[in-house]
Amino acid sequence: MSTATVSSPHPSVPAARERRPLHWRVRFAFLSLIWGFSFLFMKVGTEGFAPFQVTLGRLVFGTAVLVVAMAVKRERLPRGARTWAHLSVAAFFLNALPFSLFAYSELTIPSTLAGICNATSPLWGMALSLVALSEDRPTRVRVAGLGLGFLGVLTVLGAWQGFHGLDARGTAMALLASLSYPVGWIYVRRTLAGSSESHLSLTGGQLLLATVQLAVVTPLFTDLPSHLPVVPLLAIAALGALGTGVAMLVQYGLVAEVGPTTAQMVTYFVPIIATAAGVAVLGEHLAWSTPVGAVIVLAGAALTQARPRSGDRPAGTPAARLEQPEAKSSRPEPAGKA
């Protein structure tokens, strides 16, 4: 995150006194933590509110953080009907749809499983990008990573036991949510990659549109809550303000400083933290196949991101949640990760 340079009436004051951002590794760890806990926050939020209400609250708090950031930086919302039309599609696939699907899935599956399903986004992203993006070419390593990753998914789900004790509907929703992210990333790369608007402006507009979409849908499928339980409400506030708003700001700072390839590595820590939080805080049961399968999923996801040294550029993956820019791109990816 850069700050504007302001001329000082006291030129003798050393530049070292200027406020410096935290080391990128500290911010990387913080981003992993808040995204990992997002699945716990969703689980707690659904204990007091309907899933659509959880998602709407998340977007309201997240958008509020972005609005404050835009005001501080004196950024304006994007202009142009075409930009807003593209942002409305991005808002649906990167925010409204996956956030809602994850919230609904956690009504019937543990937060640990939802977090691991989220880690399959790089696998879906690679598979889709090979079809939709002409610059992405399959390699043996990447294809092997795709196969390994989905083998890990089958391990997590206990396929050899006939998926016994697994809620198929909730699991399918979580997997569809993880698929929604790369669909949105590819759309953004095709439509908004050359936009002259700043990433903060585009993300603010995107979250605002997602909030409007949920504000329209939520009253149609839910009733106003008769009371506001404190703990679920605080969980939703943390989910939106930290897991969506602050997380996007931290992510963009990381991408700008260390590049998208390094920043996207946060993806591989999120399911670990989500699993630890679910077991330690919520007391969720953890079968041996869950952590073993998760390791296989992450290994496969890592292989799908392998690039030749001459063209080190990541395909659509989460965390670095959306459009995958070039390492030297001035515009990081848009907002989206859970």
C-alpha atoms as a PDB file:
ATOM      1  CA  MET A   1       0.000   0.000   0.000  1.00  0.00           C
ATOM      2  CA  SER A   2       1.575   3.267  -1.031  1.00  0.00           C
ATOM      3  CA  THR A   3       1.054   6.658   0.510  1.00  0.00           C
ATOM      4  CA  ALA A   4       1.097  10.010  -1.229  1.00  0.00           C
ATOM      5  CA  THR A   5       4.248  12.068  -0.914  1.00  0.00           C
ATOM      6  CA  VAL A   6       3.608  15.388   0.790  1.00  0.00           C
ATOM      7  CA  SER A   7       6.181  18.190   0.897  1.00  0.00           C
ATOM      8  CA  SER A   8       7.204  18.986   4.446  1.00  0.00           C
ATOM      9  CA  PRO A   9       8.079  22.414   5.830  1.00  0.00           C
ATOM     10  CA  HIS A  10      10.843  20.671   7.810  1.00  0.00           C
ATOM     11  CA  PRO A  11      13.081  19.008   5.208  1.00  0.00           C
ATOM     12  CA  SER A  12      15.556  18.010   7.875  1.00  0.00           C
ATOM     13  CA  VAL A  13      13.162  15.342   9.237  1.00  0.00           C
ATOM     14  CA  PRO A  14      14.626  11.992   8.125  1.00  0.00           C
ATOM     15  CA  ALA A  15      12.606   9.880   5.718  1.00  0.00           C
ATOM     16  CA  ALA A  16      12.974   6.940   8.087  1.00  0.00           C
ATOM     17  CA  ARG A  17      10.309   8.475  10.297  1.00  0.00           C
ATOM     18  CA  GLU A  18       7.670   7.969   7.619  1.00  0.00           C
ATOM     19  CA  ARG A  19       5.138   5.299   8.464  1.00  0.00           C
ATOM     20  CA  ARG A  20       6.167   1.999   6.909  1.00  0.00           C
ATOM     21  CA  PRO A  21       3.866  -0.976   6.285  1.00  0.00           C
ATOM     22  CA  LEU A  22       4.256  -4.190   8.212  1.00  0.00           C
ATOM     23  CA  HIS A  23       6.597  -6.747   6.710  1.00  0.00           C
ATOM     24  CA  TRP A  24       4.864  -8.639   3.939  1.00  0.00           C
ATOM     25  CA  ARG A  25       5.240 -11.957   5.779  1.00  0.00           C
ATOM     26  CA  VAL A  26       3.287 -10.547   8.717  1.00  0.00           C
ATOM     27  CA  ARG A  27       0.510  -9.400   6.397  1.00  0.00           C
ATOM     28  CA  PHE A  28       0.621 -12.759   4.600  1.00  0.00           C
ATOM     29  CA  ALA A  29       0.099 -14.569   7.909  1.00  0.00           C
ATOM     30  CA  PHE A  30      -2.698 -12.169   8.879  1.00  0.00           C
ATOM     31  CA  LEU A  31      -4.467 -12.738   5.549  1.00  0.00           C
ATOM     32  CA  SER A  32      -4.184 -16.517   5.939  1.00  0.00           C
ATOM     33  CA  LEU A  33      -5.618 -16.255   9.437  1.00  0.00           C
ATOM     34  CA  ILE A  34      -8.651 -14.124   8.653  1.00  0.00           C
ATOM     35  CA  TRP A  35      -9.530 -16.080   5.517  1.00  0.00           C
ATOM     36  CA  GLY A  36      -9.105 -19.349   7.398  1.00  0.00           C
ATOM     37  CA  PHE A  37     -11.420 -18.158  10.177  1.00  0.00           C
ATOM     38  CA  SER A  38     -14.018 -16.983   7.636  1.00  0.00           C
ATOM     39  CA  PHE A  39     -15.511 -20.483   7.516  1.00  0.00           C
ATOM     40  CA  LEU A  40     -15.857 -20.540  11.292  1.00  0.00           C
ATOM     41  CA  PHE A  41     -17.520 -17.096  11.202  1.00  0.00           C
ATOM     42  CA  MET A  42     -19.980 -18.329   8.562  1.00  0.00           C
ATOM     43  CA  LYS A  43     -20.822 -21.376  10.658  1.00  0.00           C
ATOM     44  CA  VAL A  44     -21.492 -19.253  13.744  1.00  0.00           C
ATOM     45  CA  GLY A  45     -23.452 -16.700  11.701  1.00  0.00           C
ATOM     46  CA  THR A  46     -25.827 -19.348  10.331  1.00  0.00           C
ATOM     47  CA  GLU A  47     -26.676 -20.377  13.901  1.00  0.00           C
ATOM     48  CA  GLY A  48     -28.632 -17.139  14.320  1.00  0.00           C
ATOM     49  CA  PHE A  49     -29.470 -15.968  10.801  1.00  0.00           C
ATOM     50  CA  ALA A  50     -30.528 -17.386   7.441  1.00  0.00           C
ATOM     51  CA  PRO A  51     -27.683 -17.972   4.946  1.00  0.00           C
ATOM     52  CA  PHE A  52     -28.809 -15.137   2.667  1.00  0.00           C
ATOM     53  CA  GLN A  53     -28.867 -12.821   5.681  1.00  0.00           C
ATOM     54  CA  VAL A  54     -25.339 -13.910   6.612  1.00  0.00           C
ATOM     55  CA  THR A  55     -24.152 -13.137   3.091  1.00  0.00           C
ATOM     56  CA  LEU A  56     -25.939  -9.797   2.958  1.00  0.00           C
ATOM     57  CA  GLY A  57     -24.470  -8.773   6.312  1.00  0.00           C
ATOM     58  CA  ARG A  58     -21.031  -9.875   5.171  1.00  0.00           C
ATOM     59  CA  LEU A  59     -21.268  -7.751   2.040  1.00  0.00           C
ATOM     60  CA  VAL A  60     -22.604  -4.717   3.909  1.00  0.00           C
ATOM     61  CA  PHE A  61     -19.712  -4.740   6.379  1.00  0.00           C
ATOM     62  CA  GLY A  62     -17.172  -5.516   3.666  1.00  0.00           C
ATOM     63  CA  THR A  63     -18.435  -2.746   1.403  1.00  0.00           C
ATOM     64  CA  ALA A  64     -18.336  -0.294   4.313  1.00  0.00           C
ATOM     65  CA  VAL A  65     -14.606  -0.979   4.775  1.00  0.00           C
ATOM     66  CA  LEU A  66     -13.955  -0.413   1.068  1.00  0.00           C
ATOM     67  CA  VAL A  67     -15.988   2.811   1.099  1.00  0.00           C
ATOM     68  CA  VAL A  68     -13.907   4.145   3.988  1.00  0.00           C
ATOM     69  CA  ALA A  69     -10.688   3.172   2.175  1.00  0.00           C
ATOM     70  CA  MET A  70     -11.873   4.926  -0.985  1.00  0.00           C
ATOM     71  CA  ALA A  71     -12.757   8.046   0.979  1.00  0.00           C
ATOM     72  CA  VAL A  72      -9.333   8.116   2.639  1.00  0.00           C
ATOM     73  CA  LYS A  73      -7.586   7.717  -0.733  1.00  0.00           C
ATOM     74  CA  ARG A  74     -10.078  10.037  -2.449  1.00  0.00           C
ATOM     75  CA  GLU A  75     -11.004   7.387  -4.987  1.00  0.00           C
ATOM     76  CA  ARG A  76     -14.204   7.526  -7.012  1.00  0.00           C
ATOM     77  CA  LEU A  77     -16.457   4.726  -8.128  1.00  0.00           C
ATOM     78  CA  PRO A  78     -15.934   3.527 -11.719  1.00  0.00           C
ATOM     79  CA  ARG A  79     -17.588   5.341 -14.575  1.00  0.00           C
ATOM     80  CA  GLY A  80     -19.198   3.983 -17.700  1.00  0.00           C
ATOM     81  CA  ALA A  81     -22.195   1.727 -18.248  1.00  0.00           C
ATOM     82  CA  ARG A  82     -20.071  -1.038 -19.800  1.00  0.00           C
ATOM     83  CA  THR A  83     -17.754  -1.169 -16.764  1.00  0.00           C
ATOM     84  CA  TRP A  84     -20.707  -1.391 -14.388  1.00  0.00           C
ATOM     85  CA  ALA A  85     -22.287  -4.134 -16.509  1.00  0.00           C
ATOM     86  CA  HIS A  86     -19.089  -6.199 -16.351  1.00  0.00           C
ATOM     87  CA  LEU A  87     -18.755  -5.528 -12.625  1.00  0.00           C
ATOM     88  CA  SER A  88     -22.301  -6.767 -12.019  1.00  0.00           C
ATOM     89  CA  VAL A  89     -21.371 -10.139 -13.548  1.00  0.00           C
ATOM     90  CA  ALA A  90     -18.126 -10.228 -11.555  1.00  0.00           C
ATOM     91  CA  ALA A  91     -20.035  -9.376  -8.375  1.00  0.00           C
ATOM     92  CA  PHE A  92     -22.376 -12.300  -8.933  1.00  0.00           C
ATOM     93  CA  PHE A  93     -19.728 -14.955  -9.622  1.00  0.00           C
ATOM     94  CA  LEU A  94     -17.062 -13.675  -7.241  1.00  0.00           C
ATOM     95  CA  ASN A  95     -19.175 -12.542  -4.291  1.00  0.00           C
ATOM     96  CA  ALA A  96     -22.945 -13.010  -4.248  1.00  0.00           C
ATOM     97  CA  LEU A  97     -23.077 -16.598  -5.533  1.00  0.00           C
ATOM     98  CA  PRO A  98     -20.071 -18.226  -3.778  1.00  0.00           C
ATOM     99  CA  PHE A  99     -20.653 -16.423  -0.475  1.00  0.00           C
ATOM    100  CA  SER A 100     -24.280 -17.581  -0.467  1.00  0.00           C
ATOM    101  CA  LEU A 101     -23.424 -21.155  -1.468  1.00  0.00           C
ATOM    102  CA  PHE A 102     -20.808 -21.459   1.257  1.00  0.00           C
ATOM    103  CA  ALA A 103     -23.251 -20.088   3.846  1.00  0.00           C
ATOM    104  CA  TYR A 104     -25.937 -22.567   2.784  1.00  0.00           C
ATOM    105  CA  SER A 105     -23.460 -25.461   2.679  1.00  0.00           C
ATOM    106  CA  GLU A 106     -22.447 -24.872   6.291  1.00  0.00           C
ATOM    107  CA  LEU A 107     -25.980 -25.567   7.435  1.00  0.00           C
ATOM    108  CA  THR A 108     -25.255 -29.257   6.860  1.00  0.00           C
ATOM    109  CA  ILE A 109     -21.482 -29.726   6.555  1.00  0.00           C
ATOM    110  CA  PRO A 110     -18.699 -28.788   8.995  1.00  0.00           C
ATOM    111  CA  SER A 111     -16.678 -25.634   8.440  1.00  0.00           C
ATOM    112  CA  THR A 112     -13.566 -27.800   8.042  1.00  0.00           C
ATOM    113  CA  LEU A 113     -15.018 -29.475   4.944  1.00  0.00           C
ATOM    114  CA  ALA A 114     -16.149 -26.127   3.512  1.00  0.00           C
ATOM    115  CA  GLY A 115     -12.629 -24.750   3.922  1.00  0.00           C
ATOM    116  CA  ILE A 116     -11.109 -27.731   2.138  1.00  0.00           C
ATOM    117  CA  CYS A 117     -13.653 -27.502  -0.692  1.00  0.00           C
ATOM    118  CA  ASN A 118     -12.618 -23.861  -1.086  1.00  0.00           C
ATOM    119  CA  ALA A 119      -9.057 -25.052  -1.768  1.00  0.00           C
ATOM    120  CA  THR A 120     -10.233 -26.756  -4.972  1.00  0.00           C
ATOM    121  CA  SER A 121     -10.606 -23.389  -6.729  1.00  0.00           C
ATOM    122  CA  PRO A 122      -7.134 -23.611  -8.335  1.00  0.00           C
ATOM    123  CA  LEU A 123      -8.089 -27.007  -9.751  1.00  0.00           C
ATOM    124  CA  TRP A 124     -11.304 -25.694 -11.283  1.00  0.00           C
ATOM    125  CA  GLY A 125      -9.423 -22.602 -12.434  1.00  0.00           C
ATOM    126  CA  MET A 126      -6.811 -24.562 -14.321  1.00  0.00           C
ATOM    127  CA  ALA A 127      -9.381 -26.831 -15.956  1.00  0.00           C
ATOM    128  CA  LEU A 128     -11.482 -23.861 -17.087  1.00  0.00           C
ATOM    129  CA  SER A 129      -8.552 -21.708 -18.179  1.00  0.00           C
ATOM    130  CA  LEU A 130      -7.275 -24.434 -20.502  1.00  0.00           C
ATOM    131  CA  VAL A 131     -10.597 -24.174 -22.324  1.00  0.00           C
ATOM    132  CA  ALA A 132     -11.337 -20.453 -22.056  1.00  0.00           C
ATOM    133  CA  LEU A 133      -7.894 -18.805 -22.103  1.00  0.00           C
ATOM    134  CA  SER A 134      -5.794 -19.391 -25.203  1.00  0.00           C
ATOM    135  CA  GLU A 135      -2.572 -18.309 -23.459  1.00  0.00           C
ATOM    136  CA  ASP A 136      -2.819 -21.192 -20.960  1.00  0.00           C
ATOM    137  CA  ARG A 137      -1.300 -24.374 -22.324  1.00  0.00           C
ATOM    138  CA  PRO A 138      -1.489 -27.783 -20.622  1.00  0.00           C
ATOM    139  CA  THR A 139       1.739 -29.352 -19.406  1.00  0.00           C
ATOM    140  CA  ARG A 140       2.326 -32.786 -17.963  1.00  0.00           C
ATOM    141  CA  VAL A 141       2.961 -31.320 -14.537  1.00  0.00           C
ATOM    142  CA  ARG A 142      -0.222 -29.259 -14.543  1.00  0.00           C
ATOM    143  CA  VAL A 143      -2.380 -32.114 -15.813  1.00  0.00           C
ATOM    144  CA  ALA A 144      -0.843 -34.369 -13.159  1.00  0.00           C
ATOM    145  CA  GLY A 145      -1.649 -31.725 -10.548  1.00  0.00           C
ATOM    146  CA  LEU A 146      -5.260 -31.599 -11.715  1.00  0.00           C
ATOM    147  CA  GLY A 147      -5.629 -35.361 -11.412  1.00  0.00           C
ATOM    148  CA  LEU A 148      -3.867 -35.415  -8.047  1.00  0.00           C
ATOM    149  CA  GLY A 149      -6.052 -32.620  -6.728  1.00  0.00           C
ATOM    150  CA  PHE A 150      -9.305 -34.328  -7.549  1.00  0.00           C
ATOM    151  CA  LEU A 151      -7.954 -37.561  -6.107  1.00  0.00           C
ATOM    152  CA  GLY A 152      -7.499 -35.582  -2.918  1.00  0.00           C
ATOM    153  CA  VAL A 153     -11.112 -34.413  -3.105  1.00  0.00           C
ATOM    154  CA  LEU A 154     -12.278 -38.023  -3.324  1.00  0.00           C
ATOM    155  CA  THR A 155     -10.082 -38.840  -0.324  1.00  0.00           C
ATOM    156  CA  VAL A 156     -11.592 -36.024   1.746  1.00  0.00           C
ATOM    157  CA  LEU A 157     -15.087 -37.197   0.831  1.00  0.00           C
ATOM    158  CA  GLY A 158     -14.315 -40.846   1.620  1.00  0.00           C
ATOM    159  CA  ALA A 159     -15.252 -42.168  -1.814  1.00  0.00           C
ATOM    160  CA  TRP A 160     -14.167 -45.746  -0.961  1.00  0.00           C
ATOM    161  CA  GLN A 161     -16.852 -45.779   1.753  1.00  0.00           C
ATOM    162  CA  GLY A 162     -19.559 -44.710  -0.671  1.00  0.00           C
ATOM    163  CA  PHE A 163     -19.514 -41.175   0.815  1.00  0.00           C
ATOM    164  CA  HIS A 164     -21.109 -42.598   3.959  1.00  0.00           C
ATOM    165  CA  GLY A 165     -22.285 -39.947   6.438  1.00  0.00           C
ATOM    166  CA  LEU A 166     -21.645 -37.140   3.946  1.00  0.00           C
ATOM    167  CA  ASP A 167     -24.292 -34.554   3.164  1.00  0.00           C
ATOM    168  CA  ALA A 168     -24.211 -34.556  -0.621  1.00  0.00           C
ATOM    169  CA  ARG A 169     -26.197 -31.357  -1.045  1.00  0.00           C
ATOM    170  CA  GLY A 170     -24.062 -29.279   1.293  1.00  0.00           C
ATOM    171  CA  THR A 171     -20.827 -30.635  -0.165  1.00  0.00           C
ATOM    172  CA  ALA A 172     -22.022 -29.968  -3.718  1.00  0.00           C
ATOM    173  CA  MET A 173     -22.841 -26.380  -2.769  1.00  0.00           C
ATOM    174  CA  ALA A 174     -19.351 -25.852  -1.340  1.00  0.00           C
ATOM    175  CA  LEU A 175     -17.731 -27.310  -4.461  1.00  0.00           C
ATOM    176  CA  LEU A 176     -19.935 -25.170  -6.716  1.00  0.00           C
ATOM    177  CA  ALA A 177     -18.915 -22.121  -4.689  1.00  0.00           C
ATOM    178  CA  SER A 178     -15.252 -22.913  -5.305  1.00  0.00           C
ATOM    179  CA  LEU A 179     -16.024 -23.354  -9.022  1.00  0.00           C
ATOM    180  CA  SER A 180     -17.748 -19.978  -9.152  1.00  0.00           C
ATOM    181  CA  TYR A 181     -14.512 -18.114  -8.346  1.00  0.00           C
ATOM    182  CA  PRO A 182     -12.513 -19.150 -11.440  1.00  0.00           C
ATOM    183  CA  VAL A 183     -15.564 -18.548 -13.642  1.00  0.00           C
ATOM    184  CA  GLY A 184     -15.550 -14.986 -12.338  1.00  0.00           C
ATOM    185  CA  TRP A 185     -11.763 -14.633 -12.664  1.00  0.00           C
ATOM    186  CA  ILE A 186     -11.825 -15.683 -16.303  1.00  0.00           C
ATOM    187  CA  TYR A 187     -14.678 -13.293 -17.023  1.00  0.00           C
ATOM    188  CA  VAL A 188     -12.787 -10.427 -15.401  1.00  0.00           C
ATOM    189  CA  ARG A 189      -9.614 -11.209 -17.333  1.00  0.00           C
ATOM    190  CA  ARG A 190     -11.558 -11.105 -20.579  1.00  0.00           C
ATOM    191  CA  THR A 191     -13.519  -7.924 -19.863  1.00  0.00           C
ATOM    192  CA  LEU A 192     -11.803  -5.693 -17.306  1.00  0.00           C
ATOM    193  CA  ALA A 193      -8.097  -6.522 -17.548  1.00  0.00           C
ATOM    194  CA  GLY A 194      -7.351  -3.351 -19.508  1.00  0.00           C
ATOM    195  CA  SER A 195      -9.512  -1.014 -17.422  1.00  0.00           C
ATOM    196  CA  SER A 196      -8.004   2.346 -16.518  1.00  0.00           C
ATOM    197  CA  GLU A 197      -9.843   2.359 -13.191  1.00  0.00           C
ATOM    198  CA  SER A 198      -7.886   1.594 -10.025  1.00  0.00           C
ATOM    199  CA  HIS A 199      -8.243  -1.787  -8.361  1.00  0.00           C
ATOM    200  CA  LEU A 200      -9.719  -0.126  -5.268  1.00  0.00           C
ATOM    201  CA  SER A 201     -12.349   1.646  -7.340  1.00  0.00           C
ATOM    202  CA  LEU A 202     -13.308  -1.520  -9.224  1.00  0.00           C
ATOM    203  CA  THR A 203     -13.440  -3.620  -6.066  1.00  0.00           C
ATOM    204  CA  GLY A 204     -15.558  -1.033  -4.285  1.00  0.00           C
ATOM    205  CA  GLY A 205     -18.005  -1.005  -7.188  1.00  0.00           C
ATOM    206  CA  GLN A 206     -18.031  -4.789  -7.359  1.00  0.00           C
ATOM    207  CA  LEU A 207     -18.833  -5.252  -3.660  1.00  0.00           C
ATOM    208  CA  LEU A 208     -21.463  -2.517  -3.844  1.00  0.00           C
ATOM    209  CA  LEU A 209     -23.210  -4.328  -6.703  1.00  0.00           C
ATOM    210  CA  ALA A 210     -23.018  -7.662  -4.878  1.00  0.00           C
ATOM    211  CA  THR A 211     -24.613  -5.996  -1.847  1.00  0.00           C
ATOM    212  CA  VAL A 212     -27.450  -4.665  -4.021  1.00  0.00           C
ATOM    213  CA  GLN A 213     -27.970  -8.126  -5.531  1.00  0.00           C
ATOM    214  CA  LEU A 214     -28.295  -9.715  -2.083  1.00  0.00           C
ATOM    215  CA  ALA A 215     -30.466  -6.859  -0.837  1.00  0.00           C
ATOM    216  CA  VAL A 216     -32.939  -7.683  -3.619  1.00  0.00           C
ATOM    217  CA  VAL A 217     -32.842 -11.477  -3.167  1.00  0.00           C
ATOM    218  CA  THR A 218     -32.763 -11.783   0.631  1.00  0.00           C
ATOM    219  CA  PRO A 219     -36.264 -10.392   1.399  1.00  0.00           C
ATOM    220  CA  LEU A 220     -37.742 -12.780  -1.175  1.00  0.00           C
ATOM    221  CA  PHE A 221     -36.474 -15.898   0.608  1.00  0.00           C
ATOM    222  CA  THR A 222     -36.175 -14.901   4.261  1.00  0.00           C
ATOM    223  CA  ASP A 223     -38.159 -13.177   6.964  1.00  0.00           C
ATOM    224  CA  LEU A 224     -36.886 -10.430   9.208  1.00  0.00           C
ATOM    225  CA  PRO A 225     -35.290 -11.978  12.309  1.00  0.00           C
ATOM    226  CA  SER A 226     -37.380 -11.553  15.447  1.00  0.00           C
ATOM    227  CA  HIS A 227     -34.237 -10.786  17.441  1.00  0.00           C
ATOM    228  CA  LEU A 228     -30.543 -10.167  16.828  1.00  0.00           C
ATOM    229  CA  PRO A 229     -28.388 -12.765  18.621  1.00  0.00           C
ATOM    230  CA  VAL A 230     -25.139 -11.091  19.625  1.00  0.00           C
ATOM    231  CA  VAL A 231     -22.562 -13.800  18.881  1.00  0.00           C
ATOM    232  CA  PRO A 232     -23.805 -14.634  15.352  1.00  0.00           C
ATOM    233  CA  LEU A 233     -24.085 -10.912  14.607  1.00  0.00           C
ATOM    234  CA  LEU A 234     -20.499 -10.317  15.735  1.00  0.00           C
ATOM    235  CA  ALA A 235     -19.385 -13.270  13.614  1.00  0.00           C
ATOM    236  CA  ILE A 236     -21.039 -11.745  10.539  1.00  0.00           C
ATOM    237  CA  ALA A 237     -19.453  -8.373  11.268  1.00  0.00           C
ATOM    238  CA  ALA A 238     -16.014  -9.994  11.541  1.00  0.00           C
ATOM    239  CA  LEU A 239     -16.671 -12.037   8.397  1.00  0.00           C
ATOM    240  CA  GLY A 240     -17.505  -8.916   6.403  1.00  0.00           C
ATOM    241  CA  ALA A 241     -15.193  -6.292   7.869  1.00  0.00           C
ATOM    242  CA  LEU A 242     -12.152  -8.557   8.226  1.00  0.00           C
ATOM    243  CA  GLY A 243     -12.698 -11.525   5.913  1.00  0.00           C
ATOM    244  CA  THR A 244     -13.929  -9.414   3.002  1.00  0.00           C
ATOM    245  CA  GLY A 245     -13.089  -5.719   3.416  1.00  0.00           C
ATOM    246  CA  VAL A 246      -9.748  -5.659   5.235  1.00  0.00           C
ATOM    247  CA  ALA A 247      -8.644  -8.887   3.524  1.00  0.00           C
ATOM    248  CA  MET A 248      -9.009  -7.282   0.089  1.00  0.00           C
ATOM    249  CA  LEU A 249      -6.898  -4.297   1.118  1.00  0.00           C
ATOM    250  CA  VAL A 250      -4.191  -6.531   2.591  1.00  0.00           C
ATOM    251  CA  GLN A 251      -4.229  -8.754  -0.469  1.00  0.00           C
ATOM    252  CA  TYR A 252      -3.718  -5.882  -2.874  1.00  0.00           C
ATOM    253  CA  GLY A 253      -0.815  -4.613  -0.818  1.00  0.00           C
ATOM    254  CA  LEU A 254       0.789  -8.056  -0.992  1.00  0.00           C
ATOM    255  CA  VAL A 255       0.273  -8.382  -4.746  1.00  0.00           C
ATOM    256  CA  ALA A 256       1.792  -4.944  -5.308  1.00  0.00           C
ATOM    257  CA  GLU A 257       4.826  -5.738  -3.128  1.00  0.00           C
ATOM    258  CA  VAL A 258       5.686  -9.381  -3.798  1.00  0.00           C
ATOM    259  CA  GLY A 259       3.670 -10.174  -6.933  1.00  0.00           C
ATOM    260  CA  PRO A 260       0.644 -12.422  -7.483  1.00  0.00           C
ATOM    261  CA  THR A 261       2.617 -15.669  -7.608  1.00  0.00           C
ATOM    262  CA  THR A 262       3.835 -15.291  -4.017  1.00  0.00           C
ATOM    263  CA  ALA A 263       0.655 -13.633  -2.756  1.00  0.00           C
ATOM    264  CA  GLN A 264      -1.550 -16.461  -4.030  1.00  0.00           C
ATOM    265  CA  MET A 265       0.343 -18.953  -1.851  1.00  0.00           C
ATOM    266  CA  VAL A 266      -1.967 -17.860   0.963  1.00  0.00           C
ATOM    267  CA  THR A 267      -4.483 -20.213  -0.658  1.00  0.00           C
ATOM    268  CA  TYR A 268      -2.602 -23.222   0.669  1.00  0.00           C
ATOM    269  CA  PHE A 269      -2.718 -22.068   4.288  1.00  0.00           C
ATOM    270  CA  VAL A 270      -6.440 -21.229   4.404  1.00  0.00           C
ATOM    271  CA  PRO A 271      -7.767 -24.831   4.657  1.00  0.00           C
ATOM    272  CA  ILE A 272      -5.188 -25.636   7.319  1.00  0.00           C
ATOM    273  CA  ILE A 273      -6.360 -22.746   9.478  1.00  0.00           C
ATOM    274  CA  ALA A 274     -10.035 -23.444   8.698  1.00  0.00           C
ATOM    275  CA  THR A 275      -9.589 -27.043   9.818  1.00  0.00           C
ATOM    276  CA  ALA A 276      -7.716 -26.099  12.992  1.00  0.00           C
ATOM    277  CA  ALA A 277     -10.339 -23.483  13.879  1.00  0.00           C
ATOM    278  CA  GLY A 278     -13.243 -25.845  13.260  1.00  0.00           C
ATOM    279  CA  VAL A 279     -11.765 -28.577  15.415  1.00  0.00           C
ATOM    280  CA  ALA A 280     -10.414 -26.382  18.233  1.00  0.00           C
ATOM    281  CA  VAL A 281     -13.230 -23.821  18.513  1.00  0.00           C
ATOM    282  CA  LEU A 282     -16.329 -25.618  17.234  1.00  0.00           C
ATOM    283  CA  GLY A 283     -15.325 -29.127  18.275  1.00  0.00           C
ATOM    284  CA  GLU A 284     -15.906 -30.563  14.802  1.00  0.00           C
ATOM    285  CA  HIS A 285     -14.968 -34.200  14.238  1.00  0.00           C
ATOM    286  CA  LEU A 286     -11.936 -34.812  12.053  1.00  0.00           C
ATOM    287  CA  ALA A 287     -11.558 -38.215  10.354  1.00  0.00           C
ATOM    288  CA  TRP A 288      -8.085 -39.254   9.187  1.00  0.00           C
ATOM    289  CA  SER A 289      -9.136 -38.913   5.539  1.00  0.00           C
ATOM    290  CA  THR A 290      -9.851 -35.195   5.917  1.00  0.00           C
ATOM    291  CA  PRO A 291      -6.302 -33.917   6.620  1.00  0.00           C
ATOM    292  CA  VAL A 292      -4.730 -36.547   4.333  1.00  0.00           C
ATOM    293  CA  GLY A 293      -7.061 -35.609   1.485  1.00  0.00           C
ATOM    294  CA  ALA A 294      -6.495 -31.913   2.142  1.00  0.00           C
ATOM    295  CA  VAL A 295      -2.728 -32.352   1.767  1.00  0.00           C
ATOM    296  CA  ILE A 296      -3.279 -34.157  -1.548  1.00  0.00           C
ATOM    297  CA  VAL A 297      -5.638 -31.398  -2.727  1.00  0.00           C
ATOM    298  CA  LEU A 298      -3.106 -28.692  -1.870  1.00  0.00           C
ATOM    299  CA  ALA A 299      -0.272 -30.590  -3.541  1.00  0.00           C
ATOM    300  CA  GLY A 300      -2.335 -30.935  -6.693  1.00  0.00           C
ATOM    301  CA  ALA A 301      -3.362 -27.278  -6.584  1.00  0.00           C
ATOM    302  CA  ALA A 302       0.283 -26.253  -6.250  1.00  0.00           C
ATOM    303  CA  LEU A 303       1.244 -28.324  -9.301  1.00  0.00           C
ATOM    304  CA  THR A 304      -1.536 -26.750 -11.385  1.00  0.00           C
ATOM    305  CA  GLN A 305       0.123 -23.379 -10.788  1.00  0.00           C
ATOM    306  CA  ALA A 306       3.519 -24.540 -12.051  1.00  0.00           C
ATOM    307  CA  ARG A 307       4.852 -22.391 -14.878  1.00  0.00           C
ATOM    308  CA  PRO A 308       7.968 -22.549 -17.009  1.00  0.00           C
ATOM    309  CA  ARG A 309      10.584 -20.096 -15.782  1.00  0.00           C
ATOM    310  CA  SER A 310      10.258 -18.081 -18.955  1.00  0.00           C
ATOM    311  CA  GLY A 311       6.572 -17.461 -18.333  1.00  0.00           C
ATOM    312  CA  ASP A 312       5.932 -17.472 -14.617  1.00  0.00           C
ATOM    313  CA  ARG A 313       2.323 -16.410 -14.516  1.00  0.00           C
ATOM    314  CA  PRO A 314      -0.426 -17.947 -12.390  1.00  0.00           C
ATOM    315  CA  ALA A 315      -3.758 -19.067 -13.722  1.00  0.00           C
ATOM    316  CA  GLY A 316      -6.967 -18.234 -11.910  1.00  0.00           C
ATOM    317  CA  THR A 317      -6.699 -19.246  -8.249  1.00  0.00           C
ATOM    318  CA  PRO A 318      -8.323 -18.112  -5.050  1.00  0.00           C
ATOM    319  CA  ALA A 319      -6.920 -16.090  -2.336  1.00  0.00           C
ATOM    320  CA  ALA A 320      -5.156 -13.905  -4.611  1.00  0.00           C
ATOM    321  CA  ARG A 321      -8.647 -14.203  -5.108  1.00  0.00           C
ATOM    322  CA  LEU A 322      -9.686 -13.116  -8.739  1.00  0.00           C
ATOM    323  CA  GLU A 323      -8.256 -11.970 -11.922  1.00  0.00           C
ATOM    324  CA  GLN A 324      -4.649 -13.230 -12.080  1.00  0.00           C
ATOM    325  CA  PRO A 325      -2.540 -10.339 -13.321  1.00  0.00           C
ATOM    326  CA  GLU A 326       0.957 -10.354 -14.642  1.00  0.00           C
ATOM    327  CA  ALA A 327       3.675 -10.103 -12.004  1.00  0.00           C
ATOM    328  CA  LYS A 328       4.273  -6.496 -12.978  1.00  0.00           C
ATOM    329  CA  SER A 329       0.655  -5.600 -13.530  1.00  0.00           C
ATOM    330  CA  SER A 330      -0.461  -2.367 -11.934  1.00  0.00           C
ATOM    331  CA  ARG A 331      -3.908  -3.767 -11.277  1.00  0.00           C
ATOM    332  CA  PRO A 332      -4.283  -6.712  -8.907  1.00  0.00           C
ATOM    333  CA  GLU A 333      -7.142  -9.109  -9.057  1.00  0.00           C
ATOM    334  CA  PRO A 334     -10.677  -8.127  -7.933  1.00  0.00           C
ATOM    335  CA  ALA A 335     -12.362  -9.031  -4.710  1.00  0.00           C
ATOM    336  CA  GLY A 336     -13.748 -12.449  -4.045  1.00  0.00           C
ATOM    337  CA  LYS A 337     -12.162 -14.941  -1.744  1.00  0.00           C
ATOM    338  CA  ALA A 338     -14.015 -16.463   1.162  1.00  0.00           C
END
